[in-house]
Amino acid sequence: MLLAAAEAREQRVTTRSIATAAGASENHIAKAVSRLAELGLVATRRGRAGGLALTDAGRNVSVGWLVRRLEGDQEVIDCAGDQPCPLVSACRLRRAMAAAKEAFYAELDRHTVTELAGDSSLPVVLQLNTDVLLTTERIPS
């Protein structure tokens, strides 16, 4: 979301600036950025004029697809763990949880990152919290 908002303002974002703005470790953010780059959603450029930018795929991906790839499409409750639940074959809760998870993803599938970041109030919120994140440098064309 921060990348999409910065892109709308034609401003450069770095791993360090995201970490600072999010109050997270730079190492954690670097791992997340690496995974997003593997998925083809973020382009990275090293060096003095480097930074991060969303790719076309990153702008248009559904949030549901993204969450599935980042979090894994697992069952909400692990009924088959080290000590499988003896009620698993007849459990209605497990089916209800699976249906709820699908409804959750179905709703997220209706939205893209760009659509959600396009809310006019997002840059204002980001401005309040992330002056460090959004530099004054323009993204080169």
N, C-alpha and C. Protein backbone atom coordinates (compact mmCIF):
# COMPACT_ATOMS: atom_id res chain seq x y z
N MET A 1 0.83 -1.18 0.00
CA MET A 1 0.00 0.00 0.00
C MET A 1 0.88 1.25 0.00
N LEU A 2 1.97 1.21 0.76
CA LEU A 2 2.87 2.36 0.80
C LEU A 2 3.50 2.60 -0.56
N LEU A 3 3.86 1.52 -1.26
CA LEU A 3 4.44 1.66 -2.59
C LEU A 3 3.44 2.27 -3.56
N ALA A 4 2.21 1.81 -3.51
CA ALA A 4 1.19 2.33 -4.41
C ALA A 4 0.92 3.81 -4.15
N ALA A 5 0.87 4.19 -2.89
CA ALA A 5 0.65 5.60 -2.55
C ALA A 5 1.82 6.46 -2.99
N ALA A 6 3.04 5.97 -2.80
CA ALA A 6 4.22 6.72 -3.21
C ALA A 6 4.27 6.86 -4.72
N GLU A 7 3.90 5.79 -5.41
CA GLU A 7 3.89 5.83 -6.87
C GLU A 7 2.90 6.89 -7.37
N ALA A 8 1.74 6.96 -6.74
CA ALA A 8 0.75 7.96 -7.13
C ALA A 8 1.30 9.37 -6.96
N ARG A 9 2.21 9.53 -6.01
CA ARG A 9 2.81 10.85 -5.76
C ARG A 9 4.16 11.00 -6.48
N GLU A 10 4.51 9.99 -7.31
CA GLU A 10 5.77 9.98 -8.06
C GLU A 10 6.97 10.15 -7.15
N GLN A 11 6.97 9.41 -6.04
CA GLN A 11 8.07 9.51 -5.10
C GLN A 11 8.73 8.15 -4.88
N ARG A 12 10.02 8.19 -4.57
CA ARG A 12 10.84 6.99 -4.41
C ARG A 12 10.66 6.41 -3.02
N VAL A 13 10.67 5.08 -2.95
CA VAL A 13 10.56 4.37 -1.67
C VAL A 13 11.73 3.39 -1.58
N THR A 14 12.33 3.31 -0.40
CA THR A 14 13.41 2.35 -0.16
C THR A 14 12.99 1.39 0.95
N THR A 15 13.69 0.28 1.03
CA THR A 15 13.44 -0.68 2.10
C THR A 15 13.62 -0.02 3.46
N ARG A 16 14.65 0.77 3.59
CA ARG A 16 14.92 1.45 4.86
C ARG A 16 13.79 2.41 5.22
N SER A 17 13.29 3.16 4.24
CA SER A 17 12.22 4.12 4.55
C SER A 17 10.92 3.42 4.94
N ILE A 18 10.65 2.27 4.34
CA ILE A 18 9.46 1.51 4.73
C ILE A 18 9.63 1.00 6.16
N ALA A 19 10.81 0.47 6.46
CA ALA A 19 11.07 -0.05 7.81
C ALA A 19 10.90 1.05 8.86
N THR A 20 11.42 2.21 8.57
CA THR A 20 11.31 3.33 9.50
C THR A 20 9.85 3.72 9.69
N ALA A 21 9.14 3.87 8.59
CA ALA A 21 7.74 4.30 8.66
C ALA A 21 6.85 3.26 9.34
N ALA A 22 7.15 1.98 9.11
CA ALA A 22 6.32 0.90 9.67
C ALA A 22 6.75 0.50 11.07
N GLY A 23 7.88 1.01 11.53
CA GLY A 23 8.38 0.61 12.85
C GLY A 23 8.79 -0.85 12.87
N ALA A 24 9.31 -1.32 11.74
CA ALA A 24 9.73 -2.72 11.61
C ALA A 24 11.23 -2.77 11.32
N SER A 25 11.80 -3.95 11.49
CA SER A 25 13.23 -4.07 11.20
C SER A 25 13.46 -4.04 9.69
N GLU A 26 14.57 -3.46 9.32
CA GLU A 26 14.91 -3.40 7.90
C GLU A 26 15.09 -4.80 7.32
N ASN A 27 15.60 -5.73 8.14
CA ASN A 27 15.77 -7.10 7.70
C ASN A 27 14.41 -7.75 7.38
N HIS A 28 13.42 -7.52 8.22
CA HIS A 28 12.08 -8.07 7.98
C HIS A 28 11.48 -7.50 6.69
N ILE A 29 11.61 -6.20 6.51
CA ILE A 29 11.07 -5.56 5.31
C ILE A 29 11.82 -6.06 4.07
N ALA A 30 13.13 -6.24 4.18
CA ALA A 30 13.91 -6.76 3.05
C ALA A 30 13.43 -8.14 2.64
N LYS A 31 13.09 -8.99 3.60
CA LYS A 31 12.57 -10.32 3.28
C LYS A 31 11.22 -10.22 2.58
N ALA A 32 10.36 -9.33 3.06
CA ALA A 32 9.05 -9.14 2.43
C ALA A 32 9.21 -8.62 1.01
N VAL A 33 10.09 -7.66 0.82
CA VAL A 33 10.33 -7.09 -0.51
C VAL A 33 10.89 -8.17 -1.44
N SER A 34 11.79 -9.00 -0.93
CA SER A 34 12.35 -10.09 -1.72
C SER A 34 11.25 -11.04 -2.20
N ARG A 35 10.33 -11.37 -1.31
CA ARG A 35 9.22 -12.27 -1.68
C ARG A 35 8.31 -11.60 -2.72
N LEU A 36 8.03 -10.32 -2.54
CA LEU A 36 7.20 -9.61 -3.51
C LEU A 36 7.90 -9.53 -4.87
N ALA A 37 9.23 -9.38 -4.87
CA ALA A 37 9.99 -9.36 -6.12
C ALA A 37 9.95 -10.74 -6.78
N GLU A 38 10.07 -11.82 -5.99
CA GLU A 38 9.96 -13.19 -6.52
C GLU A 38 8.63 -13.40 -7.21
N LEU A 39 7.58 -12.84 -6.66
CA LEU A 39 6.24 -12.96 -7.22
C LEU A 39 6.03 -12.05 -8.42
N GLY A 40 7.02 -11.19 -8.71
CA GLY A 40 6.92 -10.29 -9.85
C GLY A 40 6.06 -9.06 -9.60
N LEU A 41 5.84 -8.73 -8.33
CA LEU A 41 4.96 -7.63 -7.98
C LEU A 41 5.70 -6.33 -7.72
N VAL A 42 7.00 -6.45 -7.41
CA VAL A 42 7.82 -5.29 -7.08
C VAL A 42 9.11 -5.36 -7.87
N ALA A 43 9.52 -4.24 -8.43
CA ALA A 43 10.81 -4.13 -9.09
C ALA A 43 11.75 -3.41 -8.13
N THR A 44 12.96 -3.92 -8.03
CA THR A 44 13.94 -3.31 -7.13
C THR A 44 15.12 -2.80 -7.94
N ARG A 45 15.69 -1.71 -7.46
CA ARG A 45 16.87 -1.15 -8.10
C ARG A 45 17.83 -0.74 -7.00
N ARG A 46 19.06 -1.25 -7.06
CA ARG A 46 20.07 -0.94 -6.05
C ARG A 46 20.80 0.34 -6.41
N GLY A 47 21.51 0.82 -5.42
CA GLY A 47 22.38 1.97 -5.66
C GLY A 47 21.80 3.28 -5.16
N ARG A 48 22.54 4.32 -5.43
CA ARG A 48 22.20 5.65 -4.93
C ARG A 48 20.82 6.12 -5.37
N ALA A 49 20.46 5.84 -6.59
CA ALA A 49 19.14 6.25 -7.10
C ALA A 49 18.16 5.08 -7.06
N GLY A 50 18.49 4.07 -6.27
CA GLY A 50 17.67 2.87 -6.21
C GLY A 50 16.38 3.06 -5.45
N GLY A 51 15.65 2.00 -5.39
CA GLY A 51 14.38 2.03 -4.67
C GLY A 51 13.47 0.92 -5.15
N LEU A 52 12.25 1.00 -4.75
CA LEU A 52 11.25 -0.01 -5.06
C LEU A 52 10.12 0.61 -5.86
N ALA A 53 9.54 -0.19 -6.74
CA ALA A 53 8.38 0.27 -7.50
C ALA A 53 7.49 -0.93 -7.78
N LEU A 54 6.21 -0.69 -7.81
CA LEU A 54 5.27 -1.74 -8.18
C LEU A 54 5.41 -2.02 -9.67
N THR A 55 5.28 -3.28 -10.05
CA THR A 55 5.21 -3.65 -11.46
C THR A 55 3.74 -3.55 -11.87
N ASP A 56 3.48 -3.73 -13.16
CA ASP A 56 2.07 -3.76 -13.61
C ASP A 56 1.31 -4.85 -12.89
N ALA A 57 1.96 -6.01 -12.72
CA ALA A 57 1.31 -7.11 -12.00
C ALA A 57 1.02 -6.71 -10.56
N GLY A 58 1.94 -6.00 -9.93
CA GLY A 58 1.76 -5.55 -8.56
C GLY A 58 0.63 -4.55 -8.41
N ARG A 59 0.43 -3.75 -9.43
CA ARG A 59 -0.66 -2.77 -9.39
C ARG A 59 -2.03 -3.44 -9.56
N ASN A 60 -2.06 -4.51 -10.34
CA ASN A 60 -3.35 -5.10 -10.73
C ASN A 60 -3.70 -6.41 -10.03
N VAL A 61 -2.82 -6.92 -9.20
CA VAL A 61 -3.07 -8.18 -8.52
C VAL A 61 -4.23 -8.02 -7.54
N SER A 62 -5.02 -9.08 -7.39
CA SER A 62 -6.08 -9.01 -6.38
C SER A 62 -5.45 -9.19 -5.00
N VAL A 63 -6.01 -8.53 -4.03
CA VAL A 63 -5.50 -8.63 -2.67
C VAL A 63 -5.64 -10.07 -2.17
N GLY A 64 -6.70 -10.76 -2.57
CA GLY A 64 -6.88 -12.17 -2.18
C GLY A 64 -5.75 -13.05 -2.70
N TRP A 65 -5.38 -12.87 -3.96
CA TRP A 65 -4.27 -13.64 -4.54
C TRP A 65 -3.00 -13.37 -3.76
N LEU A 66 -2.76 -12.10 -3.47
CA LEU A 66 -1.56 -11.71 -2.75
C LEU A 66 -1.51 -12.32 -1.36
N VAL A 67 -2.60 -12.25 -0.62
CA VAL A 67 -2.63 -12.82 0.73
C VAL A 67 -2.42 -14.33 0.68
N ARG A 68 -3.04 -15.01 -0.28
CA ARG A 68 -2.84 -16.46 -0.41
C ARG A 68 -1.37 -16.80 -0.63
N ARG A 69 -0.69 -16.03 -1.49
CA ARG A 69 0.72 -16.31 -1.79
C ARG A 69 1.62 -15.98 -0.61
N LEU A 70 1.30 -14.93 0.12
CA LEU A 70 2.16 -14.54 1.24
C LEU A 70 1.89 -15.35 2.50
N GLU A 71 0.66 -15.67 2.76
CA GLU A 71 0.30 -16.36 4.00
C GLU A 71 0.10 -17.86 3.81
N GLY A 72 -0.09 -18.30 2.59
CA GLY A 72 -0.39 -19.71 2.34
C GLY A 72 -1.88 -19.94 2.48
N ASP A 73 -2.39 -20.82 1.66
CA ASP A 73 -3.83 -21.09 1.66
C ASP A 73 -4.08 -22.32 2.53
N GLN A 74 -3.91 -22.13 3.83
CA GLN A 74 -4.03 -23.23 4.79
C GLN A 74 -5.41 -23.24 5.42
N GLU A 75 -5.70 -24.34 6.09
CA GLU A 75 -6.94 -24.41 6.84
C GLU A 75 -6.85 -23.44 8.02
N VAL A 76 -7.99 -22.90 8.42
CA VAL A 76 -8.03 -21.97 9.55
C VAL A 76 -7.64 -22.70 10.83
N ILE A 77 -8.12 -23.93 10.97
CA ILE A 77 -7.82 -24.75 12.13
C ILE A 77 -7.09 -25.99 11.65
N ASP A 78 -5.97 -26.33 12.28
CA ASP A 78 -5.21 -27.52 11.91
C ASP A 78 -5.74 -28.72 12.70
N CYS A 79 -6.63 -29.44 12.05
CA CYS A 79 -7.27 -30.59 12.72
C CYS A 79 -6.44 -31.87 12.59
N ALA A 80 -5.46 -31.85 11.72
CA ALA A 80 -4.68 -33.06 11.47
C ALA A 80 -3.25 -32.91 11.97
N GLY A 81 -3.03 -32.14 13.03
CA GLY A 81 -1.70 -31.89 13.56
C GLY A 81 -1.05 -33.12 14.14
N ASP A 82 -0.14 -32.92 15.08
CA ASP A 82 0.57 -34.02 15.71
C ASP A 82 -0.39 -35.01 16.36
N GLN A 83 -1.43 -34.49 16.94
CA GLN A 83 -2.48 -35.34 17.54
C GLN A 83 -3.80 -34.99 16.86
N PRO A 84 -4.12 -35.67 15.75
CA PRO A 84 -5.32 -35.34 14.99
C PRO A 84 -6.59 -35.40 15.86
N CYS A 85 -7.49 -34.49 15.54
CA CYS A 85 -8.75 -34.44 16.26
C CYS A 85 -9.58 -35.69 15.94
N PRO A 86 -10.11 -36.35 16.94
CA PRO A 86 -10.90 -37.57 16.68
C PRO A 86 -12.25 -37.27 16.03
N LEU A 87 -12.66 -36.02 16.02
CA LEU A 87 -13.96 -35.66 15.45
C LEU A 87 -13.87 -35.13 14.02
N VAL A 88 -12.68 -35.16 13.44
CA VAL A 88 -12.44 -34.51 12.16
C VAL A 88 -13.39 -34.99 11.05
N SER A 89 -13.73 -36.24 11.00
CA SER A 89 -14.55 -36.73 9.90
C SER A 89 -15.99 -36.22 9.95
N ALA A 90 -16.49 -35.90 11.11
CA ALA A 90 -17.88 -35.45 11.23
C ALA A 90 -17.99 -34.00 11.72
N CYS A 91 -16.91 -33.28 11.73
CA CYS A 91 -16.89 -31.94 12.32
C CYS A 91 -17.56 -30.91 11.40
N ARG A 92 -18.56 -30.23 11.92
CA ARG A 92 -19.23 -29.17 11.16
C ARG A 92 -18.49 -27.85 11.31
N LEU A 93 -17.79 -27.66 12.43
CA LEU A 93 -17.03 -26.42 12.63
C LEU A 93 -15.95 -26.28 11.57
N ARG A 94 -15.27 -27.35 11.27
CA ARG A 94 -14.20 -27.33 10.27
C ARG A 94 -14.76 -26.88 8.91
N ARG A 95 -15.92 -27.42 8.54
CA ARG A 95 -16.54 -27.03 7.26
C ARG A 95 -16.97 -25.56 7.29
N ALA A 96 -17.52 -25.12 8.43
CA ALA A 96 -17.95 -23.73 8.55
C ALA A 96 -16.74 -22.79 8.46
N MET A 97 -15.64 -23.16 9.09
CA MET A 97 -14.42 -22.35 9.04
C MET A 97 -13.87 -22.31 7.61
N ALA A 98 -13.92 -23.43 6.91
CA ALA A 98 -13.45 -23.46 5.52
C ALA A 98 -14.31 -22.56 4.64
N ALA A 99 -15.61 -22.57 4.86
CA ALA A 99 -16.52 -21.71 4.09
C ALA A 99 -16.25 -20.23 4.41
N ALA A 100 -15.99 -19.93 5.68
CA ALA A 100 -15.69 -18.55 6.08
C ALA A 100 -14.39 -18.08 5.44
N LYS A 101 -13.39 -18.95 5.40
CA LYS A 101 -12.11 -18.60 4.77
C LYS A 101 -12.32 -18.29 3.29
N GLU A 102 -13.12 -19.11 2.61
CA GLU A 102 -13.38 -18.86 1.19
C GLU A 102 -14.13 -17.55 0.98
N ALA A 103 -15.06 -17.23 1.88
CA ALA A 103 -15.78 -15.95 1.79
C ALA A 103 -14.80 -14.78 2.01
N PHE A 104 -13.88 -14.95 2.93
CA PHE A 104 -12.85 -13.95 3.21
C PHE A 104 -12.03 -13.68 1.94
N TYR A 105 -11.53 -14.75 1.32
CA TYR A 105 -10.74 -14.60 0.11
C TYR A 105 -11.57 -14.07 -1.05
N ALA A 106 -12.81 -14.50 -1.15
CA ALA A 106 -13.68 -14.00 -2.23
C ALA A 106 -13.84 -12.49 -2.13
N GLU A 107 -13.98 -11.97 -0.93
CA GLU A 107 -14.08 -10.51 -0.76
C GLU A 107 -12.77 -9.84 -1.12
N LEU A 108 -11.65 -10.38 -0.67
CA LEU A 108 -10.35 -9.79 -1.01
C LEU A 108 -10.06 -9.87 -2.50
N ASP A 109 -10.56 -10.90 -3.16
CA ASP A 109 -10.37 -11.06 -4.60
C ASP A 109 -11.04 -9.94 -5.40
N ARG A 110 -11.99 -9.27 -4.81
CA ARG A 110 -12.72 -8.20 -5.49
C ARG A 110 -11.92 -6.90 -5.56
N HIS A 111 -10.79 -6.83 -4.86
CA HIS A 111 -10.04 -5.57 -4.75
C HIS A 111 -8.60 -5.74 -5.23
N THR A 112 -8.07 -4.68 -5.82
CA THR A 112 -6.66 -4.65 -6.21
C THR A 112 -5.91 -3.69 -5.29
N VAL A 113 -4.61 -3.82 -5.28
CA VAL A 113 -3.77 -2.94 -4.48
C VAL A 113 -3.97 -1.49 -4.93
N THR A 114 -3.97 -1.25 -6.23
CA THR A 114 -4.13 0.12 -6.74
C THR A 114 -5.48 0.70 -6.34
N GLU A 115 -6.51 -0.10 -6.44
CA GLU A 115 -7.85 0.37 -6.06
C GLU A 115 -7.88 0.80 -4.60
N LEU A 116 -7.32 -0.03 -3.73
CA LEU A 116 -7.34 0.29 -2.31
C LEU A 116 -6.44 1.46 -1.97
N ALA A 117 -5.33 1.58 -2.66
CA ALA A 117 -4.41 2.69 -2.41
C ALA A 117 -4.90 3.97 -3.07
N GLY A 118 -5.86 3.87 -3.97
CA GLY A 118 -6.37 5.04 -4.68
C GLY A 118 -7.30 5.90 -3.87
N ASP A 119 -7.65 5.47 -2.67
CA ASP A 119 -8.50 6.26 -1.80
C ASP A 119 -7.80 7.59 -1.51
N SER A 120 -8.49 8.68 -1.74
CA SER A 120 -7.87 9.99 -1.60
C SER A 120 -7.41 10.29 -0.18
N SER A 121 -7.92 9.59 0.83
CA SER A 121 -7.48 9.85 2.20
C SER A 121 -6.19 9.13 2.54
N LEU A 122 -5.79 8.13 1.76
CA LEU A 122 -4.57 7.37 2.07
C LEU A 122 -3.32 8.25 2.07
N PRO A 123 -3.09 9.09 1.06
CA PRO A 123 -1.88 9.93 1.12
C PRO A 123 -1.85 10.84 2.34
N VAL A 124 -3.01 11.30 2.80
CA VAL A 124 -3.05 12.16 3.99
C VAL A 124 -2.59 11.36 5.21
N VAL A 125 -3.11 10.16 5.36
CA VAL A 125 -2.72 9.30 6.48
C VAL A 125 -1.24 8.99 6.38
N LEU A 126 -0.77 8.66 5.19
CA LEU A 126 0.66 8.38 5.01
C LEU A 126 1.50 9.60 5.32
N GLN A 127 1.04 10.77 4.94
CA GLN A 127 1.79 11.99 5.20
C GLN A 127 1.98 12.18 6.70
N LEU A 128 0.93 11.88 7.46
CA LEU A 128 1.01 12.04 8.91
C LEU A 128 2.01 11.08 9.54
N ASN A 129 2.08 9.87 9.00
CA ASN A 129 2.88 8.82 9.62
C ASN A 129 4.20 8.53 8.93
N THR A 130 4.38 8.97 7.71
CA THR A 130 5.53 8.49 6.95
C THR A 130 6.28 9.57 6.19
N ASP A 131 6.44 10.73 6.77
CA ASP A 131 7.22 11.76 6.09
C ASP A 131 8.60 11.23 5.75
N VAL A 132 9.14 10.35 6.56
CA VAL A 132 10.44 9.75 6.30
C VAL A 132 10.36 8.81 5.10
N LEU A 133 9.23 8.13 4.93
CA LEU A 133 9.08 7.14 3.88
C LEU A 133 9.12 7.75 2.49
N LEU A 134 8.37 8.78 2.28
CA LEU A 134 8.24 9.34 0.95
C LEU A 134 9.24 10.46 0.77
N THR A 135 10.26 10.19 -0.02
CA THR A 135 11.30 11.19 -0.23
C THR A 135 10.83 12.20 -1.28
N THR A 136 11.60 13.23 -1.46
CA THR A 136 11.23 14.23 -2.45
C THR A 136 11.77 13.88 -3.83
N GLU A 137 12.50 12.77 -3.94
CA GLU A 137 13.04 12.40 -5.24
C GLU A 137 11.95 11.83 -6.11
N ARG A 138 11.94 12.21 -7.36
CA ARG A 138 10.97 11.73 -8.33
C ARG A 138 11.44 10.39 -8.88
N ILE A 139 10.51 9.52 -9.19
CA ILE A 139 10.83 8.25 -9.82
C ILE A 139 11.21 8.54 -11.26
N PRO A 140 12.40 8.08 -11.71
CA PRO A 140 12.80 8.35 -13.09
C PRO A 140 11.86 7.66 -14.08
N SER A 141 11.62 8.30 -15.19
CA SER A 141 10.74 7.72 -16.21
C SER A 141 11.46 6.70 -17.03
